[in-house]
């Protein structure tokens, strides 16, 4: 059995960790020497604190640094110090996933993430995805789809999500009443071309889709950017969208960073819509956003920007929000897994 597992380099460390049991305080290194056709997996090192898998070369390179600060060693106990299991929106590491899907998920688990949110499936079947995520103890909680998918592929995307035991299906980009905009405009221009009639049409679509999703045991929700807070007369699109949708069928995934970039307090949104918010995107902003181009505000690891995470997360826990996803948008100022590890370390020290 051991030999069979070791043929999968992504799962070997997690298998061995289970042999020794979940011992967060136990630090050890186990070198596996496989000399035959599996030699590509030679010199995997395991650290029981978080069960991080690294190569011997990486361990030696990091050996001059503290175990708590090395980018390769991020104990899962860091995530446990925040009261909810932390997740990552996989859009953040999509380039890595495209090159090595299984290996990238293993790295995410090693950093300390326990939940994931999809933004595409990279050509994998539900069975292939579930095989890897189950082995890594990653919970597939949420997934993103655009409005066109909701309208034209509703059964297909819901059936796929149900196979993964997805709890939340989130609309990441609303549909437009002008289909040509999809082909002719950049994503940002497309979003800013949406009219109030478009938002009203999406409200109808969301109610319909949310009802169907409930039949699959899946809760539907909407993820904000900056554009939703544009005003049309006396109202903004966000408030109008939520007014026109059924609170039981259409929930909120609040992207704290983009709301702040739009000049809207995410804390105020939590207080106003607290019973509708099912998850947060945790995104920090390097500087105060420009009023003209808020979406271009650089993202940084949590704690290195302008966001008040102490107040936001304390409030989120008080009102009962259960799911939290780290998300960082390009351009990245350092390797993205280094940024994610920095964010996790910050959260581990944050006293709520």
Protein backbone atom coordinates (compact mmCIF):
# COMPACT_ATOMS: atom_id res chain seq x y z
CA UNK A 1 0.00 0.00 0.00
CA UNK A 2 2.79 2.40 0.88
CA UNK A 3 4.52 1.70 -2.42
CA UNK A 4 1.36 2.45 -4.32
CA UNK A 5 0.85 5.76 -2.59
CA UNK A 6 4.47 6.79 -3.10
CA UNK A 7 3.99 6.54 -6.84
CA UNK A 8 1.95 9.73 -6.40
CA UNK A 9 4.44 12.36 -5.16
CA UNK A 10 1.64 14.74 -4.25
CA UNK A 11 0.06 12.43 -1.72
CA UNK A 12 3.05 10.67 -0.19
CA UNK A 13 3.61 13.22 2.54
CA UNK A 14 0.00 13.32 3.57
CA UNK A 15 -0.16 9.52 3.74
CA UNK A 16 2.94 9.35 5.95
CA UNK A 17 1.65 12.17 8.13
CA UNK A 18 -1.47 10.17 8.83
CA UNK A 19 0.64 7.20 9.90
CA UNK A 20 2.17 9.34 12.64
CA UNK A 21 -1.11 11.09 13.41
CA UNK A 22 -2.02 14.75 13.54
CA UNK A 23 0.76 16.08 15.78
CA UNK A 24 1.07 19.85 15.11
CA UNK A 25 3.87 20.20 17.65
CA UNK A 26 5.95 17.37 16.20
CA UNK A 27 8.70 18.42 13.77
CA UNK A 28 10.53 15.76 11.80
CA UNK A 29 11.99 15.16 8.36
CA UNK A 30 11.60 11.90 6.56
CA UNK A 31 13.62 11.34 3.40
CA UNK A 32 12.22 8.87 0.92
CA UNK A 33 14.75 7.21 -1.37
CA UNK A 34 13.11 5.66 -4.39
CA UNK A 35 15.74 4.38 -6.76
CA UNK A 36 13.79 2.86 -9.63
CA UNK A 37 11.46 4.38 -12.20
CA UNK A 38 9.96 6.53 -9.44
CA UNK A 39 13.28 8.28 -8.80
CA UNK A 40 11.72 11.56 -9.90
CA UNK A 41 10.12 11.59 -6.46
CA UNK A 42 13.45 11.27 -4.65
CA UNK A 43 14.19 13.33 -1.53
CA UNK A 44 10.73 14.43 -0.51
CA UNK A 45 10.95 15.93 2.97
CA UNK A 46 8.01 15.95 5.34
CA UNK A 47 7.49 18.20 8.31
CA UNK A 48 4.75 17.03 10.61
CA UNK A 49 3.89 20.57 11.68
CA UNK A 50 1.34 21.20 8.97
CA UNK A 51 2.71 18.22 7.02
CA UNK A 52 4.32 20.51 4.46
CA UNK A 53 5.93 18.68 1.54
CA UNK A 54 9.17 20.17 0.24
CA UNK A 55 12.17 18.81 -1.61
CA UNK A 56 15.50 18.27 0.10
CA UNK A 57 17.00 21.08 -1.97
CA UNK A 58 14.30 23.47 -0.79
CA UNK A 59 14.81 22.38 2.81
CA UNK A 60 18.56 22.96 2.64
CA UNK A 61 18.02 26.35 1.05
CA UNK A 62 15.65 27.30 3.84
CA UNK A 63 17.61 25.75 6.68
CA UNK A 64 19.22 29.02 7.66
CA UNK A 65 15.85 30.57 8.44
CA UNK A 66 13.34 30.06 11.20
CA UNK A 67 10.81 27.27 10.69
CA UNK A 68 8.10 29.81 11.32
CA UNK A 69 9.28 32.28 8.69
CA UNK A 70 10.43 30.04 5.86
CA UNK A 71 8.16 30.32 2.79
CA UNK A 72 8.27 26.53 2.54
CA UNK A 73 7.15 25.87 6.09
CA UNK A 74 3.74 27.19 6.97
CA UNK A 75 2.22 25.06 9.75
CA UNK A 76 -1.47 24.39 9.50
CA UNK A 77 -1.74 25.65 13.07
CA UNK A 78 -1.34 29.16 11.64
CA UNK A 79 -4.70 28.83 9.94
CA UNK A 80 -6.20 27.29 13.07
CA UNK A 81 -5.47 30.41 15.09
CA UNK A 82 -8.07 32.22 13.01
CA UNK A 83 -11.43 30.92 14.18
CA UNK A 84 -12.60 29.74 10.77
CA UNK A 85 -10.89 27.42 8.26
CA UNK A 86 -9.22 29.54 5.61
CA UNK A 87 -9.76 29.07 1.92
CA UNK A 88 -8.14 30.34 -1.25
CA UNK A 89 -9.84 31.54 -4.40
CA UNK A 90 -8.04 29.50 -7.04
CA UNK A 91 -8.07 32.40 -9.50
CA UNK A 92 -5.11 33.63 -7.43
CA UNK A 93 -2.98 30.64 -8.45
CA UNK A 94 -4.54 29.89 -11.82
CA UNK A 95 -1.22 30.10 -13.73
CA UNK A 96 0.28 27.47 -11.45
CA UNK A 97 -2.83 25.28 -11.69
CA UNK A 98 -2.68 25.37 -15.48
CA UNK A 99 0.86 23.98 -15.37
CA UNK A 100 0.44 21.46 -12.55
CA UNK A 101 -3.07 21.13 -11.19
CA UNK A 102 -2.46 18.41 -8.61
CA UNK A 103 0.87 19.78 -7.44
CA UNK A 104 -0.48 23.28 -7.00
CA UNK A 105 -3.37 22.06 -4.86
CA UNK A 106 -0.85 20.15 -2.77
CA UNK A 107 1.12 23.37 -2.26
CA UNK A 108 -2.07 25.18 -1.23
CA UNK A 109 -2.79 22.49 1.34
CA UNK A 110 0.79 22.67 2.59
CA UNK A 111 0.50 26.42 3.15
CA UNK A 112 -2.42 25.70 5.45
CA UNK A 113 -5.54 26.19 3.36
CA UNK A 114 -8.42 23.87 4.21
CA UNK A 115 -11.05 25.14 1.75
CA UNK A 116 -10.92 26.09 -1.92
CA UNK A 117 -13.07 28.08 -4.28
CA UNK A 118 -12.91 27.28 -7.97
CA UNK A 119 -12.76 29.67 -10.91
CA UNK A 120 -12.71 27.08 -13.68
CA UNK A 121 -11.80 23.39 -13.58
CA UNK A 122 -8.81 23.26 -15.95
CA UNK A 123 -10.24 20.46 -18.04
CA UNK A 124 -10.49 18.07 -15.11
CA UNK A 125 -13.45 15.81 -14.43
CA UNK A 126 -15.26 16.02 -11.12
CA UNK A 127 -13.91 12.57 -10.24
CA UNK A 128 -10.32 13.64 -10.94
CA UNK A 129 -10.70 16.77 -8.84
CA UNK A 130 -12.36 14.97 -5.97
CA UNK A 131 -9.67 12.31 -5.91
CA UNK A 132 -6.98 14.92 -5.31
CA UNK A 133 -8.91 17.20 -2.96
CA UNK A 134 -10.08 14.31 -0.80
CA UNK A 135 -6.53 13.01 -0.48
CA UNK A 136 -5.32 16.48 0.52
CA UNK A 137 -8.23 17.09 2.91
CA UNK A 138 -9.25 20.16 0.91
CA UNK A 139 -12.96 20.98 1.07
CA UNK A 140 -14.50 22.13 -2.22
CA UNK A 141 -16.87 24.73 -0.80
CA UNK A 142 -17.52 27.20 -3.59
CA UNK A 143 -17.19 27.84 -7.32
CA UNK A 144 -17.52 30.83 -9.66
CA UNK A 145 -19.44 31.03 -12.93
CA UNK A 146 -20.49 33.88 -15.18
CA UNK A 147 -24.01 34.97 -16.00
CA UNK A 148 -23.96 33.39 -19.45
CA UNK A 149 -23.23 30.01 -17.85
CA UNK A 150 -26.13 30.50 -15.46
CA UNK A 151 -28.49 31.14 -18.36
CA UNK A 152 -27.27 28.60 -20.92
CA UNK A 153 -25.61 25.79 -18.92
CA UNK A 154 -27.48 25.79 -15.64
CA UNK A 155 -28.06 22.05 -15.31
CA UNK A 156 -24.55 21.19 -16.49
CA UNK A 157 -22.74 23.45 -14.04
CA UNK A 158 -25.01 22.51 -11.14
CA UNK A 159 -24.58 18.79 -11.76
CA UNK A 160 -20.79 19.20 -11.88
CA UNK A 161 -20.81 21.25 -8.69
CA UNK A 162 -22.99 18.69 -6.93
CA UNK A 163 -20.48 15.93 -7.74
CA UNK A 164 -17.85 17.96 -5.87
CA UNK A 165 -20.20 18.56 -2.93
CA UNK A 166 -20.02 22.30 -3.63
CA UNK A 167 -22.08 24.34 -1.16
CA UNK A 168 -22.01 27.74 -2.90
CA UNK A 169 -22.16 28.70 -6.57
CA UNK A 170 -21.25 32.35 -7.09
CA UNK A 171 -21.83 34.55 -10.11
CA UNK A 172 -18.57 36.34 -10.85
CA UNK A 173 -19.60 38.28 -13.97
CA UNK A 174 -23.18 39.30 -14.79
CA UNK A 175 -24.67 38.91 -18.25
CA UNK A 176 -25.25 41.80 -20.63
CA UNK A 177 -28.29 42.51 -22.77
CA UNK A 178 -25.77 43.40 -25.51
CA UNK A 179 -24.06 40.07 -26.35
CA UNK A 180 -21.63 41.76 -28.73
CA UNK A 181 -19.98 43.40 -25.73
CA UNK A 182 -18.51 40.03 -24.74
CA UNK A 183 -16.52 39.82 -27.98
CA UNK A 184 -15.69 43.50 -28.45
CA UNK A 185 -14.86 44.83 -25.00
CA UNK A 186 -12.25 44.11 -22.40
CA UNK A 187 -13.61 42.60 -19.20
CA UNK A 188 -13.38 45.91 -17.35
CA UNK A 189 -15.03 47.89 -20.17
CA UNK A 190 -17.71 45.19 -20.39
CA UNK A 191 -18.54 45.62 -16.72
CA UNK A 192 -18.72 49.40 -16.96
CA UNK A 193 -20.96 49.15 -20.03
CA UNK A 194 -23.67 47.43 -17.98
CA UNK A 195 -26.82 49.55 -17.69
CA UNK A 196 -29.50 49.51 -15.01
CA UNK A 197 -31.61 47.45 -17.40
CA UNK A 198 -28.79 44.91 -17.47
CA UNK A 199 -28.73 44.77 -13.68
CA UNK A 200 -32.51 44.31 -13.53
CA UNK A 201 -32.26 41.49 -16.08
CA UNK A 202 -29.58 39.85 -13.94
CA UNK A 203 -31.82 40.10 -10.88
CA UNK A 204 -34.46 38.06 -12.73
CA UNK A 205 -31.85 35.54 -13.86
CA UNK A 206 -30.38 35.24 -10.35
CA UNK A 207 -33.76 34.55 -8.75
CA UNK A 208 -34.49 31.85 -11.31
CA UNK A 209 -31.06 30.25 -11.02
CA UNK A 210 -31.04 30.48 -7.24
CA UNK A 211 -34.28 28.52 -7.09
CA UNK A 212 -32.87 25.80 -9.32
CA UNK A 213 -29.61 25.68 -7.36
CA UNK A 214 -31.54 25.06 -4.15
CA UNK A 215 -32.91 21.87 -5.67
CA UNK A 216 -29.33 20.62 -5.92
CA UNK A 217 -28.64 21.61 -2.33
CA UNK A 218 -26.49 24.53 -3.50
CA UNK A 219 -26.78 28.13 -2.36
CA UNK A 220 -26.38 30.79 -5.06
CA UNK A 221 -24.68 34.12 -4.48
CA UNK A 222 -23.15 37.16 -6.17
CA UNK A 223 -19.56 38.44 -5.94
CA UNK A 224 -18.95 42.18 -6.20
CA UNK A 225 -16.24 44.19 -7.88
CA UNK A 226 -16.10 47.99 -7.94
CA UNK A 227 -18.52 48.68 -10.76
CA UNK A 228 -21.63 47.60 -8.83
CA UNK A 229 -21.37 50.72 -6.70
CA UNK A 230 -21.82 53.11 -9.63
CA UNK A 231 -24.86 55.26 -9.18
CA UNK A 232 -27.78 55.37 -11.57
CA UNK A 233 -29.75 58.37 -10.42
CA UNK A 234 -30.46 57.93 -6.73
CA UNK A 235 -29.42 54.27 -6.44
CA UNK A 236 -26.37 52.17 -7.12
CA UNK A 237 -26.50 48.89 -9.00
CA UNK A 238 -25.53 46.81 -5.96
CA UNK A 239 -28.37 47.98 -3.75
CA UNK A 240 -30.84 47.65 -6.61
CA UNK A 241 -29.66 44.14 -7.47
CA UNK A 242 -30.11 43.04 -3.88
CA UNK A 243 -33.48 44.78 -3.58
CA UNK A 244 -34.80 42.94 -6.63
CA UNK A 245 -33.56 39.49 -5.61
CA UNK A 246 -34.97 37.07 -3.07
CA UNK A 247 -32.72 37.04 0.03
CA UNK A 248 -33.31 33.31 0.41
CA UNK A 249 -32.24 32.57 -3.16
CA UNK A 250 -29.48 35.12 -3.79
CA UNK A 251 -26.80 35.56 -1.14
CA UNK A 252 -23.71 37.79 -1.02
CA UNK A 253 -20.07 36.97 -1.39
CA UNK A 254 -18.47 40.21 -0.24
CA UNK A 255 -15.11 41.08 -1.76
CA UNK A 256 -13.84 43.40 0.94
CA UNK A 257 -10.97 44.77 -1.12
CA UNK A 258 -12.99 45.72 -4.18
CA UNK A 259 -15.74 47.30 -2.10
CA UNK A 260 -13.11 49.43 -0.35
CA UNK A 261 -11.52 50.30 -3.69
CA UNK A 262 -14.91 51.61 -4.84
CA UNK A 263 -15.05 53.89 -1.81
CA UNK A 264 -17.62 51.75 0.01
CA UNK A 265 -16.99 50.51 3.53
CA UNK A 266 -17.11 46.68 3.60
CA UNK A 267 -17.99 47.04 7.28
CA UNK A 268 -21.07 49.04 6.34
CA UNK A 269 -22.09 46.35 3.84
CA UNK A 270 -21.72 43.68 6.52
CA UNK A 271 -23.88 45.64 8.91
CA UNK A 272 -26.55 46.36 6.28
CA UNK A 273 -26.76 42.91 4.67
CA UNK A 274 -25.38 40.68 7.41
CA UNK A 275 -28.02 37.96 7.07
CA UNK A 276 -27.26 37.56 3.35
CA UNK A 277 -23.47 37.30 3.43
CA UNK A 278 -22.23 33.72 3.12
CA UNK A 279 -18.53 34.33 2.48
CA UNK A 280 -15.80 36.96 2.24
CA UNK A 281 -12.96 37.52 -0.17
CA UNK A 282 -9.99 38.81 1.80
CA UNK A 283 -8.01 41.19 -0.39
CA UNK A 284 -5.69 43.97 0.74
CA UNK A 285 -4.90 47.14 -1.19
CA UNK A 286 -1.43 48.64 -1.33
CA UNK A 287 -2.56 52.28 -1.55
CA UNK A 288 -5.67 54.39 -1.46
CA UNK A 289 -7.52 53.71 -4.72
CA UNK A 290 -7.89 56.18 -7.55
CA UNK A 291 -11.49 57.30 -8.04
CA UNK A 292 -11.11 56.96 -11.81
CA UNK A 293 -9.46 53.50 -11.93
CA UNK A 294 -10.09 51.73 -8.60
CA UNK A 295 -9.64 48.29 -10.18
CA UNK A 296 -5.99 49.09 -10.89
CA UNK A 297 -5.14 49.42 -7.20
CA UNK A 298 -2.27 46.96 -6.54
CA UNK A 299 -3.03 44.04 -4.24
CA UNK A 300 -0.63 43.04 -1.46
CA UNK A 301 -0.56 40.31 1.20
CA UNK A 302 -2.95 40.84 4.10
CA UNK A 303 -1.62 43.22 6.69
CA UNK A 304 0.62 45.09 4.25
CA UNK A 305 -2.08 47.37 2.88
CA UNK A 306 -4.75 49.82 3.99
CA UNK A 307 -7.46 47.41 5.15
CA UNK A 308 -8.49 47.21 8.82
CA UNK A 309 -8.66 43.43 9.13
CA UNK A 310 -9.03 43.44 12.90
CA UNK A 311 -12.38 45.22 12.74
CA UNK A 312 -13.59 43.51 9.58
CA UNK A 313 -12.90 39.95 10.71
CA UNK A 314 -14.12 40.52 14.24
CA UNK A 315 -17.41 41.82 12.81
CA UNK A 316 -17.60 38.97 10.30
CA UNK A 317 -17.27 36.38 13.05
CA UNK A 318 -19.87 38.13 15.21
CA UNK A 319 -22.49 38.08 12.46
CA UNK A 320 -21.77 34.44 11.67
CA UNK A 321 -19.95 34.45 8.33
CA UNK A 322 -18.54 30.96 7.88
CA UNK A 323 -16.23 31.02 4.84
CA UNK A 324 -13.18 33.19 4.06
CA UNK A 325 -11.09 33.08 0.88
CA UNK A 326 -7.77 34.77 0.35
CA UNK A 327 -7.60 36.32 -3.09
CA UNK A 328 -4.86 38.39 -4.65
CA UNK A 329 -5.05 39.87 -8.12
CA UNK A 330 -2.12 40.30 -10.51
CA UNK A 331 0.31 41.87 -11.08
CA UNK A 332 2.04 40.09 -8.20
CA UNK A 333 4.88 41.89 -6.47
CA UNK A 334 6.51 38.59 -5.40
CA UNK A 335 5.95 34.87 -6.06
CA UNK A 336 2.31 34.28 -5.25
CA UNK A 337 2.85 31.42 -2.80
CA UNK A 338 5.20 33.67 -0.83
CA UNK A 339 2.41 36.25 -0.66
CA UNK A 340 -0.12 33.66 0.46
CA UNK A 341 2.22 32.43 3.19
CA UNK A 342 2.71 36.03 4.34
CA UNK A 343 -1.06 36.52 4.55
CA UNK A 344 -1.44 33.32 6.56
CA UNK A 345 1.26 34.38 9.00
CA UNK A 346 -0.43 37.74 9.43
CA UNK A 347 -3.78 36.15 10.20
CA UNK A 348 -2.15 33.80 12.70
CA UNK A 349 -1.00 36.80 14.74
CA UNK A 350 -4.20 38.82 14.44
CA UNK A 351 -6.02 39.09 17.74
CA UNK A 352 -9.73 39.57 17.17
